[in-house]
Amino acid sequence: MNDSSSQSSTKIDDVVIAFSNVSYAVSTTNGKHEKAVKTIIDDLGFEVRRGERLILVGRSGCGKTTSLRLINRLIEPTGGEVIVEGTRTIDHDAIALRRRTGYVIQDGGLFPHFTVQRNVAAVPLLEGWSPERTNARVREMLELVGLPPDEYADRFPSELSGGQRQRVGVARALAIDPPVLLLDEPFGALDPLTRRTLQSEFKILCERLKKTVVFVTHDLREALVIGTHIGLMDAGKLVTLDTPRGFVDSTHELARAYLATLEVED
């Protein structure tokens, strides 16, 4: 009994992100000013454990990005609960939660009028870090993502390539060592060779740092490279959730349709 209880406790503590019967709906108005409710997320449930990388794939409009935004409380569920590190998101201080959650979007989402140094330093300074500690962390993060600080710290985003801007975005997301990383099509705008390189580097980086990741992409090949688990969404629901190997072997009709796109690309 004690052994079973201990295992259960460890298992619960290991869950970093949990969706429990989550829904999200918005009110819409048509041309006749008639109101209707549009459901974007419908009874969504899943768990992400410490160190796992969940990749959400699916058609545009299926709810992938909405799910991501629910995790750092950019929006709140209209039903069910989203739990991050054991606390419902609606019970977290929204600003504190976002600062503790690394967030990377396409092209890095950098402040164009800030240097690379200031972009990476943004959250540490907001958290009250000293300039000395912040500068040391910026240098450490730039080295980590392959951008020597003596060469890149004083550049502006417009002076960087797309791949370099994305690396800065990752460095900024990691700056205060957040337990969770959220990424929304971070490599989508890059050329194929740069994209493949960053995919491999990002996977290695996450394994090294043991980060818990939720990553949105349209690219199944990317999902198979990076993820420990792949969640396929359709019409606001999670229709299958499996390891990359399990996904490849899936008999689900929509999963098979996505796998067929890899054969076409080859």
C-alpha atoms as a PDB file:
ATOM      1  CA  MET A   1       0.000   0.000   0.000  1.00  0.00           C
ATOM      2  CA  ASN A   2       2.810   2.420   0.894  1.00  0.00           C
ATOM      3  CA  ASP A   3       4.720   1.562  -2.268  1.00  0.00           C
ATOM      4  CA  SER A   4       1.614   2.139  -4.385  1.00  0.00           C
ATOM      5  CA  SER A   5       0.896   5.452  -2.648  1.00  0.00           C
ATOM      6  CA  SER A   6       4.473   6.614  -3.135  1.00  0.00           C
ATOM      7  CA  GLN A   7       4.426   5.744  -6.841  1.00  0.00           C
ATOM      8  CA  SER A   8       1.122   7.566  -7.281  1.00  0.00           C
ATOM      9  CA  SER A   9       2.477  10.693  -5.554  1.00  0.00           C
ATOM     10  CA  THR A  10       5.603  10.704  -7.704  1.00  0.00           C
ATOM     11  CA  LYS A  11       3.505  10.346 -10.826  1.00  0.00           C
ATOM     12  CA  ILE A  12       1.271  13.294  -9.926  1.00  0.00           C
ATOM     13  CA  ASP A  13       4.225  15.504  -8.995  1.00  0.00           C
ATOM     14  CA  ASP A  14       5.811  14.720 -12.357  1.00  0.00           C
ATOM     15  CA  VAL A  15       2.896  16.242 -14.297  1.00  0.00           C
ATOM     16  CA  VAL A  16       3.850  19.786 -15.283  1.00  0.00           C
ATOM     17  CA  ILE A  17       0.874  20.623 -17.534  1.00  0.00           C
ATOM     18  CA  ALA A  18      -2.600  19.088 -17.375  1.00  0.00           C
ATOM     19  CA  PHE A  19      -5.756  19.811 -19.364  1.00  0.00           C
ATOM     20  CA  SER A  20      -8.906  18.461 -17.726  1.00  0.00           C
ATOM     21  CA  ASN A  21     -12.105  18.560 -19.832  1.00  0.00           C
ATOM     22  CA  VAL A  22     -11.041  21.925 -21.237  1.00  0.00           C
ATOM     23  CA  SER A  23     -13.229  23.895 -23.600  1.00  0.00           C
ATOM     24  CA  TYR A  24     -12.857  27.332 -25.098  1.00  0.00           C
ATOM     25  CA  ALA A  25     -15.609  29.122 -26.961  1.00  0.00           C
ATOM     26  CA  VAL A  26     -16.077  32.658 -28.249  1.00  0.00           C
ATOM     27  CA  SER A  27     -19.149  34.671 -29.156  1.00  0.00           C
ATOM     28  CA  THR A  28     -19.456  35.688 -32.797  1.00  0.00           C
ATOM     29  CA  THR A  29     -21.792  38.049 -34.625  1.00  0.00           C
ATOM     30  CA  ASN A  30     -22.876  37.580 -38.230  1.00  0.00           C
ATOM     31  CA  GLY A  31     -23.826  40.271 -40.731  1.00  0.00           C
ATOM     32  CA  LYS A  32     -27.327  40.426 -39.291  1.00  0.00           C
ATOM     33  CA  HIS A  33     -25.888  41.076 -35.806  1.00  0.00           C
ATOM     34  CA  GLU A  34     -27.086  37.679 -34.649  1.00  0.00           C
ATOM     35  CA  LYS A  35     -24.922  36.227 -31.907  1.00  0.00           C
ATOM     36  CA  ALA A  36     -23.623  32.683 -31.954  1.00  0.00           C
ATOM     37  CA  VAL A  37     -21.081  30.676 -29.979  1.00  0.00           C
ATOM     38  CA  LYS A  38     -18.089  29.196 -31.773  1.00  0.00           C
ATOM     39  CA  THR A  39     -16.346  26.332 -29.984  1.00  0.00           C
ATOM     40  CA  ILE A  40     -12.602  26.263 -30.629  1.00  0.00           C
ATOM     41  CA  ILE A  41     -11.530  23.735 -27.972  1.00  0.00           C
ATOM     42  CA  ASP A  42     -13.900  20.923 -27.036  1.00  0.00           C
ATOM     43  CA  ASP A  43     -13.438  18.699 -23.944  1.00  0.00           C
ATOM     44  CA  LEU A  44      -9.656  18.600 -24.313  1.00  0.00           C
ATOM     45  CA  GLY A  45      -7.669  16.445 -21.913  1.00  0.00           C
ATOM     46  CA  PHE A  46      -3.976  15.520 -21.764  1.00  0.00           C
ATOM     47  CA  GLU A  47      -0.924  15.623 -19.487  1.00  0.00           C
ATOM     48  CA  VAL A  48       2.656  16.630 -20.159  1.00  0.00           C
ATOM     49  CA  ARG A  49       5.235  15.272 -17.756  1.00  0.00           C
ATOM     50  CA  ARG A  50       8.528  16.820 -16.766  1.00  0.00           C
ATOM     51  CA  GLY A  51      11.026  16.699 -19.611  1.00  0.00           C
ATOM     52  CA  GLU A  52       8.498  15.611 -22.244  1.00  0.00           C
ATOM     53  CA  ARG A  53       8.090  17.411 -25.564  1.00  0.00           C
ATOM     54  CA  LEU A  54       4.488  17.357 -26.763  1.00  0.00           C
ATOM     55  CA  ILE A  55       4.069  18.388 -30.387  1.00  0.00           C
ATOM     56  CA  LEU A  56       0.575  19.455 -31.440  1.00  0.00           C
ATOM     57  CA  VAL A  57      -0.214  18.986 -35.125  1.00  0.00           C
ATOM     58  CA  GLY A  58      -3.383  19.422 -37.144  1.00  0.00           C
ATOM     59  CA  ARG A  59      -5.129  21.563 -39.717  1.00  0.00           C
ATOM     60  CA  SER A  60      -5.278  25.349 -39.427  1.00  0.00           C
ATOM     61  CA  GLY A  61      -8.045  26.335 -37.033  1.00  0.00           C
ATOM     62  CA  CYS A  62      -8.115  23.013 -35.181  1.00  0.00           C
ATOM     63  CA  GLY A  63      -7.178  24.621 -31.830  1.00  0.00           C
ATOM     64  CA  LYS A  64      -3.414  24.108 -31.590  1.00  0.00           C
ATOM     65  CA  THR A  65      -2.416  27.709 -30.913  1.00  0.00           C
ATOM     66  CA  THR A  66      -5.454  28.244 -28.692  1.00  0.00           C
ATOM     67  CA  SER A  67      -4.276  25.315 -26.554  1.00  0.00           C
ATOM     68  CA  LEU A  68      -0.844  26.916 -26.278  1.00  0.00           C
ATOM     69  CA  ARG A  69      -2.317  30.269 -25.230  1.00  0.00           C
ATOM     70  CA  LEU A  70      -4.371  28.578 -22.530  1.00  0.00           C
ATOM     71  CA  ILE A  71      -1.198  27.301 -20.865  1.00  0.00           C
ATOM     72  CA  ASN A  72       0.302  30.725 -20.126  1.00  0.00           C
ATOM     73  CA  ARG A  73      -3.085  32.319 -19.495  1.00  0.00           C
ATOM     74  CA  LEU A  74      -3.116  34.583 -22.510  1.00  0.00           C
ATOM     75  CA  ILE A  75      -6.696  33.319 -22.586  1.00  0.00           C
ATOM     76  CA  GLU A  76      -8.736  31.418 -20.009  1.00  0.00           C
ATOM     77  CA  PRO A  77     -10.838  28.278 -20.521  1.00  0.00           C
ATOM     78  CA  THR A  78     -14.583  28.643 -20.702  1.00  0.00           C
ATOM     79  CA  GLY A  79     -14.891  25.131 -19.285  1.00  0.00           C
ATOM     80  CA  GLY A  80     -12.653  22.672 -17.459  1.00  0.00           C
ATOM     81  CA  GLU A  81      -9.238  23.383 -15.965  1.00  0.00           C
ATOM     82  CA  VAL A  82      -5.720  24.005 -17.213  1.00  0.00           C
ATOM     83  CA  ILE A  83      -3.181  23.201 -14.506  1.00  0.00           C
ATOM     84  CA  VAL A  84       0.475  24.266 -14.622  1.00  0.00           C
ATOM     85  CA  GLU A  85       2.862  22.975 -11.956  1.00  0.00           C
ATOM     86  CA  GLY A  86      -0.006  21.848  -9.771  1.00  0.00           C
ATOM     87  CA  THR A  87      -1.978  25.121  -9.841  1.00  0.00           C
ATOM     88  CA  ARG A  88      -4.895  26.103 -12.051  1.00  0.00           C
ATOM     89  CA  THR A  89      -3.887  28.818 -14.491  1.00  0.00           C
ATOM     90  CA  ILE A  90      -6.750  31.008 -13.275  1.00  0.00           C
ATOM     91  CA  ASP A  91      -5.180  30.876  -9.791  1.00  0.00           C
ATOM     92  CA  HIS A  92      -1.739  31.894 -11.068  1.00  0.00           C
ATOM     93  CA  ASP A  93      -0.783  35.535 -11.275  1.00  0.00           C
ATOM     94  CA  ALA A  94      -1.000  35.949 -15.050  1.00  0.00           C
ATOM     95  CA  ILE A  95       2.112  38.117 -15.431  1.00  0.00           C
ATOM     96  CA  ALA A  96       4.213  35.908 -13.168  1.00  0.00           C
ATOM     97  CA  LEU A  97       3.059  32.802 -15.045  1.00  0.00           C
ATOM     98  CA  ARG A  98       4.003  34.276 -18.413  1.00  0.00           C
ATOM     99  CA  ARG A  99       7.406  35.355 -17.186  1.00  0.00           C
ATOM    100  CA  ARG A 100       8.046  31.820 -15.936  1.00  0.00           C
ATOM    101  CA  THR A 101       6.980  30.320 -19.260  1.00  0.00           C
ATOM    102  CA  GLY A 102       9.347  30.580 -22.203  1.00  0.00           C
ATOM    103  CA  TYR A 103       7.403  31.571 -25.321  1.00  0.00           C
ATOM    104  CA  VAL A 104       8.801  31.428 -28.846  1.00  0.00           C
ATOM    105  CA  ILE A 105       6.892  32.385 -31.975  1.00  0.00           C
ATOM    106  CA  GLN A 106       7.743  32.524 -35.655  1.00  0.00           C
ATOM    107  CA  ASP A 107      10.756  34.741 -36.410  1.00  0.00           C
ATOM    108  CA  GLY A 108      11.534  34.922 -32.689  1.00  0.00           C
ATOM    109  CA  GLY A 109       9.097  37.744 -31.881  1.00  0.00           C
ATOM    110  CA  LEU A 110      12.021  40.037 -31.076  1.00  0.00           C
ATOM    111  CA  PHE A 111      11.763  43.723 -30.190  1.00  0.00           C
ATOM    112  CA  PRO A 112      13.156  45.347 -33.363  1.00  0.00           C
ATOM    113  CA  HIS A 113      14.455  48.463 -31.566  1.00  0.00           C
ATOM    114  CA  PHE A 114      16.373  46.395 -28.974  1.00  0.00           C
ATOM    115  CA  THR A 115      19.788  44.889 -29.510  1.00  0.00           C
ATOM    116  CA  VAL A 116      20.221  41.141 -29.135  1.00  0.00           C
ATOM    117  CA  GLN A 117      21.613  41.814 -25.648  1.00  0.00           C
ATOM    118  CA  ARG A 118      18.523  43.780 -24.584  1.00  0.00           C
ATOM    119  CA  ASN A 119      16.136  41.275 -26.122  1.00  0.00           C
ATOM    120  CA  VAL A 120      17.608  38.377 -24.178  1.00  0.00           C
ATOM    121  CA  ALA A 121      17.898  40.495 -21.023  1.00  0.00           C
ATOM    122  CA  ALA A 122      14.266  41.665 -21.107  1.00  0.00           C
ATOM    123  CA  VAL A 123      12.703  39.186 -18.674  1.00  0.00           C
ATOM    124  CA  PRO A 124      15.640  38.942 -16.230  1.00  0.00           C
ATOM    125  CA  LEU A 125      15.559  42.737 -15.862  1.00  0.00           C
ATOM    126  CA  LEU A 126      11.785  42.684 -15.344  1.00  0.00           C
ATOM    127  CA  GLU A 127      12.377  40.101 -12.630  1.00  0.00           C
ATOM    128  CA  GLY A 128      14.766  42.477 -10.868  1.00  0.00           C
ATOM    129  CA  TRP A 129      18.048  40.750 -11.668  1.00  0.00           C
ATOM    130  CA  SER A 130      21.176  42.851 -11.202  1.00  0.00           C
ATOM    131  CA  PRO A 131      22.916  44.102 -14.365  1.00  0.00           C
ATOM    132  CA  GLU A 132      25.924  41.902 -13.610  1.00  0.00           C
ATOM    133  CA  ARG A 133      23.842  38.744 -13.231  1.00  0.00           C
ATOM    134  CA  THR A 134      21.767  39.638 -16.291  1.00  0.00           C
ATOM    135  CA  ASN A 135      24.804  40.271 -18.503  1.00  0.00           C
ATOM    136  CA  ALA A 136      26.384  37.000 -17.452  1.00  0.00           C
ATOM    137  CA  ARG A 137      23.149  35.135 -18.219  1.00  0.00           C
ATOM    138  CA  VAL A 138      22.803  36.793 -21.633  1.00  0.00           C
ATOM    139  CA  ARG A 139      26.313  35.712 -22.571  1.00  0.00           C
ATOM    140  CA  GLU A 140      25.628  32.190 -21.326  1.00  0.00           C
ATOM    141  CA  MET A 141      22.395  31.927 -23.332  1.00  0.00           C
ATOM    142  CA  LEU A 142      23.903  33.280 -26.544  1.00  0.00           C
ATOM    143  CA  GLU A 143      26.755  30.784 -26.267  1.00  0.00           C
ATOM    144  CA  LEU A 144      24.191  28.051 -25.643  1.00  0.00           C
ATOM    145  CA  VAL A 145      22.340  28.756 -28.913  1.00  0.00           C
ATOM    146  CA  GLY A 146      25.509  29.136 -30.970  1.00  0.00           C
ATOM    147  CA  LEU A 147      25.712  32.945 -31.201  1.00  0.00           C
ATOM    148  CA  PRO A 148      29.043  34.167 -29.742  1.00  0.00           C
ATOM    149  CA  PRO A 149      28.101  37.210 -27.637  1.00  0.00           C
ATOM    150  CA  ASP A 150      31.124  39.289 -28.660  1.00  0.00           C
ATOM    151  CA  GLU A 151      29.912  39.021 -32.248  1.00  0.00           C
ATOM    152  CA  TYR A 152      26.128  39.194 -31.851  1.00  0.00           C
ATOM    153  CA  ALA A 153      25.162  40.927 -28.585  1.00  0.00           C
ATOM    154  CA  ASP A 154      25.211  44.462 -30.017  1.00  0.00           C
ATOM    155  CA  ARG A 155      23.424  43.659 -33.272  1.00  0.00           C
ATOM    156  CA  PHE A 156      19.801  44.509 -33.973  1.00  0.00           C
ATOM    157  CA  PRO A 157      17.280  41.915 -35.242  1.00  0.00           C
ATOM    158  CA  SER A 158      17.316  43.498 -38.716  1.00  0.00           C
ATOM    159  CA  GLU A 159      21.019  42.646 -38.931  1.00  0.00           C
ATOM    160  CA  LEU A 160      20.407  38.929 -38.365  1.00  0.00           C
ATOM    161  CA  SER A 161      19.327  36.095 -40.622  1.00  0.00           C
ATOM    162  CA  GLY A 162      16.025  34.335 -39.959  1.00  0.00           C
ATOM    163  CA  GLY A 163      17.797  31.432 -38.301  1.00  0.00           C
ATOM    164  CA  GLN A 164      19.818  33.764 -36.100  1.00  0.00           C
ATOM    165  CA  ARG A 165      16.687  35.645 -35.004  1.00  0.00           C
ATOM    166  CA  GLN A 166      15.096  32.335 -34.095  1.00  0.00           C
ATOM    167  CA  ARG A 167      18.135  31.402 -32.011  1.00  0.00           C
ATOM    168  CA  VAL A 168      17.854  34.714 -30.163  1.00  0.00           C
ATOM    169  CA  GLY A 169      14.175  33.991 -29.541  1.00  0.00           C
ATOM    170  CA  VAL A 170      15.082  30.659 -27.966  1.00  0.00           C
ATOM    171  CA  ALA A 171      17.838  32.296 -25.888  1.00  0.00           C
ATOM    172  CA  ARG A 172      15.367  34.892 -24.606  1.00  0.00           C
ATOM    173  CA  ALA A 173      12.825  32.190 -23.744  1.00  0.00           C
ATOM    174  CA  LEU A 174      15.449  30.321 -21.720  1.00  0.00           C
ATOM    175  CA  ALA A 175      16.909  33.367 -19.972  1.00  0.00           C
ATOM    176  CA  ILE A 176      15.346  32.861 -16.522  1.00  0.00           C
ATOM    177  CA  ASP A 177      15.419  29.066 -16.779  1.00  0.00           C
ATOM    178  CA  PRO A 178      11.637  28.559 -17.102  1.00  0.00           C
ATOM    179  CA  PRO A 179      10.228  25.103 -16.364  1.00  0.00           C
ATOM    180  CA  VAL A 180       8.004  25.222 -19.467  1.00  0.00           C
ATOM    181  CA  LEU A 181       8.687  26.220 -23.069  1.00  0.00           C
ATOM    182  CA  LEU A 182       5.849  26.997 -25.476  1.00  0.00           C
ATOM    183  CA  LEU A 183       6.616  27.298 -29.184  1.00  0.00           C
ATOM    184  CA  ASP A 184       4.229  28.299 -31.969  1.00  0.00           C
ATOM    185  CA  GLU A 185       5.522  27.426 -35.453  1.00  0.00           C
ATOM    186  CA  PRO A 186       8.975  28.732 -34.459  1.00  0.00           C
ATOM    187  CA  PHE A 187      10.785  27.433 -37.539  1.00  0.00           C
ATOM    188  CA  GLY A 188       7.957  27.798 -40.050  1.00  0.00           C
ATOM    189  CA  ALA A 189       9.385  30.776 -41.969  1.00  0.00           C
ATOM    190  CA  LEU A 190      12.884  29.375 -42.394  1.00  0.00           C
ATOM    191  CA  ASP A 191      14.431  27.767 -45.450  1.00  0.00           C
ATOM    192  CA  PRO A 192      14.482  23.940 -45.366  1.00  0.00           C
ATOM    193  CA  LEU A 193      18.190  23.539 -44.559  1.00  0.00           C
ATOM    194  CA  THR A 194      18.168  26.080 -41.719  1.00  0.00           C
ATOM    195  CA  ARG A 195      14.951  24.586 -40.425  1.00  0.00           C
ATOM    196  CA  ARG A 196      16.386  21.059 -40.295  1.00  0.00           C
ATOM    197  CA  THR A 197      19.494  22.317 -38.504  1.00  0.00           C
ATOM    198  CA  LEU A 198      17.516  24.205 -35.864  1.00  0.00           C
ATOM    199  CA  GLN A 199      15.150  21.290 -35.331  1.00  0.00           C
ATOM    200  CA  SER A 200      18.054  18.995 -34.491  1.00  0.00           C
ATOM    201  CA  GLU A 201      19.770  21.605 -32.330  1.00  0.00           C
ATOM    202  CA  PHE A 202      16.564  22.386 -30.449  1.00  0.00           C
ATOM    203  CA  LYS A 203      15.935  18.715 -29.681  1.00  0.00           C
ATOM    204  CA  ILE A 204      19.470  18.295 -28.328  1.00  0.00           C
ATOM    205  CA  LEU A 205      19.133  21.493 -26.281  1.00  0.00           C
ATOM    206  CA  CYS A 206      15.856  20.372 -24.696  1.00  0.00           C
ATOM    207  CA  GLU A 207      17.276  16.950 -23.862  1.00  0.00           C
ATOM    208  CA  ARG A 208      20.297  18.581 -22.267  1.00  0.00           C
ATOM    209  CA  LEU A 209      18.248  21.081 -20.225  1.00  0.00           C
ATOM    210  CA  LYS A 210      15.387  18.630 -19.523  1.00  0.00           C
ATOM    211  CA  LYS A 211      12.768  21.215 -20.459  1.00  0.00           C
ATOM    212  CA  THR A 212       9.046  20.488 -20.632  1.00  0.00           C
ATOM    213  CA  VAL A 213       7.854  21.603 -24.055  1.00  0.00           C
ATOM    214  CA  VAL A 214       4.582  22.123 -25.908  1.00  0.00           C
ATOM    215  CA  PHE A 215       5.290  22.852 -29.566  1.00  0.00           C
ATOM    216  CA  VAL A 216       2.786  23.709 -32.307  1.00  0.00           C
ATOM    217  CA  THR A 217       3.558  22.900 -35.937  1.00  0.00           C
ATOM    218  CA  HIS A 218       1.922  21.999 -39.242  1.00  0.00           C
ATOM    219  CA  ASP A 219       4.989  19.957 -40.176  1.00  0.00           C
ATOM    220  CA  LEU A 220       4.673  16.285 -39.214  1.00  0.00           C
ATOM    221  CA  ARG A 221       8.301  15.635 -40.105  1.00  0.00           C
ATOM    222  CA  GLU A 222       9.283  18.303 -37.572  1.00  0.00           C
ATOM    223  CA  ALA A 223       7.025  16.689 -34.987  1.00  0.00           C
ATOM    224  CA  LEU A 224       8.649  13.298 -35.519  1.00  0.00           C
ATOM    225  CA  VAL A 225      12.151  14.775 -35.155  1.00  0.00           C
ATOM    226  CA  ILE A 226      11.542  16.865 -32.020  1.00  0.00           C
ATOM    227  CA  GLY A 227       8.735  15.289 -30.043  1.00  0.00           C
ATOM    228  CA  THR A 228       8.610  12.653 -27.357  1.00  0.00           C
ATOM    229  CA  HIS A 229       4.841  12.655 -27.962  1.00  0.00           C
ATOM    230  CA  ILE A 230       2.646  13.811 -30.834  1.00  0.00           C
ATOM    231  CA  GLY A 231      -0.916  15.001 -30.348  1.00  0.00           C
ATOM    232  CA  LEU A 232      -3.105  15.191 -33.452  1.00  0.00           C
ATOM    233  CA  MET A 233      -5.927  17.701 -33.154  1.00  0.00           C
ATOM    234  CA  ASP A 234      -9.074  18.048 -35.232  1.00  0.00           C
ATOM    235  CA  ALA A 235     -12.004  20.430 -34.674  1.00  0.00           C
ATOM    236  CA  GLY A 236     -10.863  21.324 -31.169  1.00  0.00           C
ATOM    237  CA  LYS A 237     -10.392  17.740 -30.031  1.00  0.00           C
ATOM    238  CA  LEU A 238      -7.331  15.583 -29.483  1.00  0.00           C
ATOM    239  CA  VAL A 239      -7.975  12.610 -31.735  1.00  0.00           C
ATOM    240  CA  THR A 240      -4.762  10.725 -31.006  1.00  0.00           C
ATOM    241  CA  LEU A 241      -1.802  11.120 -28.647  1.00  0.00           C
ATOM    242  CA  ASP A 242       1.202   8.828 -28.961  1.00  0.00           C
ATOM    243  CA  THR A 243       4.965   8.562 -29.187  1.00  0.00           C
ATOM    244  CA  PRO A 244       6.510   9.236 -32.610  1.00  0.00           C
ATOM    245  CA  ARG A 245       6.815   5.474 -33.204  1.00  0.00           C
ATOM    246  CA  GLY A 246       3.237   4.919 -32.075  1.00  0.00           C
ATOM    247  CA  PHE A 247       2.050   7.713 -34.366  1.00  0.00           C
ATOM    248  CA  VAL A 248       3.843   6.183 -37.354  1.00  0.00           C
ATOM    249  CA  ASP A 249       2.130   2.874 -36.613  1.00  0.00           C
ATOM    250  CA  SER A 250      -1.277   4.464 -35.964  1.00  0.00           C
ATOM    251  CA  THR A 251      -4.330   3.117 -37.745  1.00  0.00           C
ATOM    252  CA  HIS A 252      -6.321   6.311 -37.166  1.00  0.00           C
ATOM    253  CA  GLU A 253      -7.604   7.605 -40.511  1.00  0.00           C
ATOM    254  CA  LEU A 254      -6.449  11.207 -40.007  1.00  0.00           C
ATOM    255  CA  ALA A 255      -3.032  10.112 -38.725  1.00  0.00           C
ATOM    256  CA  ARG A 256      -2.611   7.929 -41.807  1.00  0.00           C
ATOM    257  CA  ALA A 257      -3.539  10.903 -44.000  1.00  0.00           C
ATOM    258  CA  TYR A 258      -0.809  12.993 -42.392  1.00  0.00           C
ATOM    259  CA  LEU A 259       1.734  10.212 -42.734  1.00  0.00           C
ATOM    260  CA  ALA A 260       0.870   9.972 -46.423  1.00  0.00           C
ATOM    261  CA  THR A 261       2.072  13.563 -46.873  1.00  0.00           C
ATOM    262  CA  LEU A 262       5.573  12.438 -45.905  1.00  0.00           C
ATOM    263  CA  GLU A 263       5.559   9.951 -48.756  1.00  0.00           C
ATOM    264  CA  VAL A 264       4.476  12.681 -51.176  1.00  0.00           C
ATOM    265  CA  GLU A 265       7.266  14.970 -49.978  1.00  0.00           C
ATOM    266  CA  ASP A 266       9.844  12.206 -50.393  1.00  0.00           C
END
